[in-house]
Amino acid sequence: MYLPDHGGPITSGDFMKVRIDYTICNSCGLCREVCPEWAITQKYLEPRHLYEVHAEKCTGCGECLEYCPAPGALVQYEL
């Protein structure tokens, strides 16, 4: 598939993003460590050391999903 205004071929990650379900997340930070785009950062003013995904940086590659020890804490969604 190709979209002219996209500038190139479209891969499955182009329309996927990842978000964190804070009710399941154990705040280990592994997702931040493995993200190749540095799209996950710590929310410093949170007492529980929560992390957040910056949608503008997230490519939807899903690398973080494989390393998360809390099943369901990272959710991949389609745009």
C-alpha atoms as a PDB file:
ATOM      1  CA  MET A   1       0.000   0.000   0.000  1.00  0.00           C
ATOM      2  CA  TYR A   2       1.208   3.506  -0.791  1.00  0.00           C
ATOM      3  CA  LEU A   3      -0.194   6.911   0.105  1.00  0.00           C
ATOM      4  CA  PRO A   4       1.131   9.887  -1.868  1.00  0.00           C
ATOM      5  CA  ASP A   5       1.115  12.318   1.078  1.00  0.00           C
ATOM      6  CA  HIS A   6       2.765   9.747   3.356  1.00  0.00           C
ATOM      7  CA  GLY A   7       5.974   9.818   1.353  1.00  0.00           C
ATOM      8  CA  GLY A   8       6.600   6.117   0.977  1.00  0.00           C
ATOM      9  CA  PRO A   9       5.476   2.586   1.580  1.00  0.00           C
ATOM     10  CA  ILE A  10       3.234   1.958   4.566  1.00  0.00           C
ATOM     11  CA  THR A  11       4.111  -0.705   7.085  1.00  0.00           C
ATOM     12  CA  SER A  12       1.859  -2.091   9.802  1.00  0.00           C
ATOM     13  CA  GLY A  13       3.476   0.135  12.457  1.00  0.00           C
ATOM     14  CA  ASP A  14       2.510   3.332  10.634  1.00  0.00           C
ATOM     15  CA  PHE A  15      -1.019   3.242  12.001  1.00  0.00           C
ATOM     16  CA  MET A  16      -0.291   1.612  15.354  1.00  0.00           C
ATOM     17  CA  LYS A  17       0.556   3.238  18.675  1.00  0.00           C
ATOM     18  CA  VAL A  18       1.084   1.980  22.217  1.00  0.00           C
ATOM     19  CA  ARG A  19      -0.462   3.269  25.427  1.00  0.00           C
ATOM     20  CA  ILE A  20      -0.016   2.289  29.071  1.00  0.00           C
ATOM     21  CA  ASP A  21      -2.837   0.932  31.212  1.00  0.00           C
ATOM     22  CA  TYR A  22      -1.883   2.384  34.602  1.00  0.00           C
ATOM     23  CA  THR A  23      -4.166   0.008  36.503  1.00  0.00           C
ATOM     24  CA  ILE A  24      -1.954  -2.900  35.384  1.00  0.00           C
ATOM     25  CA  CYS A  25       1.480  -1.266  34.991  1.00  0.00           C
ATOM     26  CA  ASN A  26       3.961  -2.151  37.752  1.00  0.00           C
ATOM     27  CA  SER A  27       6.243   0.837  36.948  1.00  0.00           C
ATOM     28  CA  CYS A  28       9.311  -1.300  36.262  1.00  0.00           C
ATOM     29  CA  GLY A  29      10.490   0.883  33.367  1.00  0.00           C
ATOM     30  CA  LEU A  30      11.502  -1.957  31.037  1.00  0.00           C
ATOM     31  CA  CYS A  31       9.358  -0.472  28.270  1.00  0.00           C
ATOM     32  CA  ARG A  32      11.386   2.734  28.431  1.00  0.00           C
ATOM     33  CA  GLU A  33      14.657   0.820  28.310  1.00  0.00           C
ATOM     34  CA  VAL A  34      13.818  -1.133  25.145  1.00  0.00           C
ATOM     35  CA  CYS A  35      11.979   1.552  23.145  1.00  0.00           C
ATOM     36  CA  PRO A  36      14.150   2.284  20.076  1.00  0.00           C
ATOM     37  CA  GLU A  37      12.505   5.684  19.573  1.00  0.00           C
ATOM     38  CA  TRP A  38      12.752   6.918  23.189  1.00  0.00           C
ATOM     39  CA  ALA A  39       8.988   7.438  23.077  1.00  0.00           C
ATOM     40  CA  ILE A  40       8.462   6.348  26.695  1.00  0.00           C
ATOM     41  CA  THR A  41       9.557   8.634  29.506  1.00  0.00           C
ATOM     42  CA  GLN A  42       9.055   8.850  33.246  1.00  0.00           C
ATOM     43  CA  LYS A  43       6.399  11.152  34.695  1.00  0.00           C
ATOM     44  CA  TYR A  44       8.610  12.732  37.348  1.00  0.00           C
ATOM     45  CA  LEU A  45       5.935  14.320  39.512  1.00  0.00           C
ATOM     46  CA  GLU A  46       4.132  11.034  40.098  1.00  0.00           C
ATOM     47  CA  PRO A  47       4.845   9.291  43.420  1.00  0.00           C
ATOM     48  CA  ARG A  48       4.521   5.849  41.780  1.00  0.00           C
ATOM     49  CA  HIS A  49       7.147   6.545  39.073  1.00  0.00           C
ATOM     50  CA  LEU A  50       4.674   6.194  36.240  1.00  0.00           C
ATOM     51  CA  TYR A  51       5.759   6.239  32.614  1.00  0.00           C
ATOM     52  CA  GLU A  52       4.072   7.798  29.617  1.00  0.00           C
ATOM     53  CA  VAL A  53       4.123   7.111  25.890  1.00  0.00           C
ATOM     54  CA  HIS A  54       4.605  10.145  23.660  1.00  0.00           C
ATOM     55  CA  ALA A  55       2.341   9.373  20.710  1.00  0.00           C
ATOM     56  CA  GLU A  56       4.227  11.723  18.403  1.00  0.00           C
ATOM     57  CA  LYS A  57       7.423   9.679  18.885  1.00  0.00           C
ATOM     58  CA  CYS A  58       5.864   6.205  19.066  1.00  0.00           C
ATOM     59  CA  THR A  59       6.207   4.298  15.784  1.00  0.00           C
ATOM     60  CA  GLY A  60       4.030   1.391  16.932  1.00  0.00           C
ATOM     61  CA  CYS A  61       6.842  -1.128  16.499  1.00  0.00           C
ATOM     62  CA  GLY A  62       5.687  -3.081  19.558  1.00  0.00           C
ATOM     63  CA  GLU A  63       9.185  -3.710  20.889  1.00  0.00           C
ATOM     64  CA  CYS A  64       8.049  -2.700  24.379  1.00  0.00           C
ATOM     65  CA  LEU A  65       5.177  -5.204  24.333  1.00  0.00           C
ATOM     66  CA  GLU A  66       7.570  -8.144  24.229  1.00  0.00           C
ATOM     67  CA  TYR A  67       9.468  -7.075  27.339  1.00  0.00           C
ATOM     68  CA  CYS A  68       6.617  -5.973  29.592  1.00  0.00           C
ATOM     69  CA  PRO A  69       6.360  -8.313  32.626  1.00  0.00           C
ATOM     70  CA  ALA A  70       2.799  -7.142  33.414  1.00  0.00           C
ATOM     71  CA  PRO A  71       0.489  -8.701  30.777  1.00  0.00           C
ATOM     72  CA  GLY A  72      -1.920  -6.112  29.423  1.00  0.00           C
ATOM     73  CA  ALA A  73      -0.120  -3.064  30.831  1.00  0.00           C
ATOM     74  CA  LEU A  74       0.980  -1.967  27.365  1.00  0.00           C
ATOM     75  CA  VAL A  75      -1.816  -1.818  24.838  1.00  0.00           C
ATOM     76  CA  GLN A  76      -1.236  -1.493  21.114  1.00  0.00           C
ATOM     77  CA  TYR A  77      -4.032   0.318  19.287  1.00  0.00           C
ATOM     78  CA  GLU A  78      -4.805   1.305  15.732  1.00  0.00           C
ATOM     79  CA  LEU A  79      -5.163   4.932  14.661  1.00  0.00           C
END
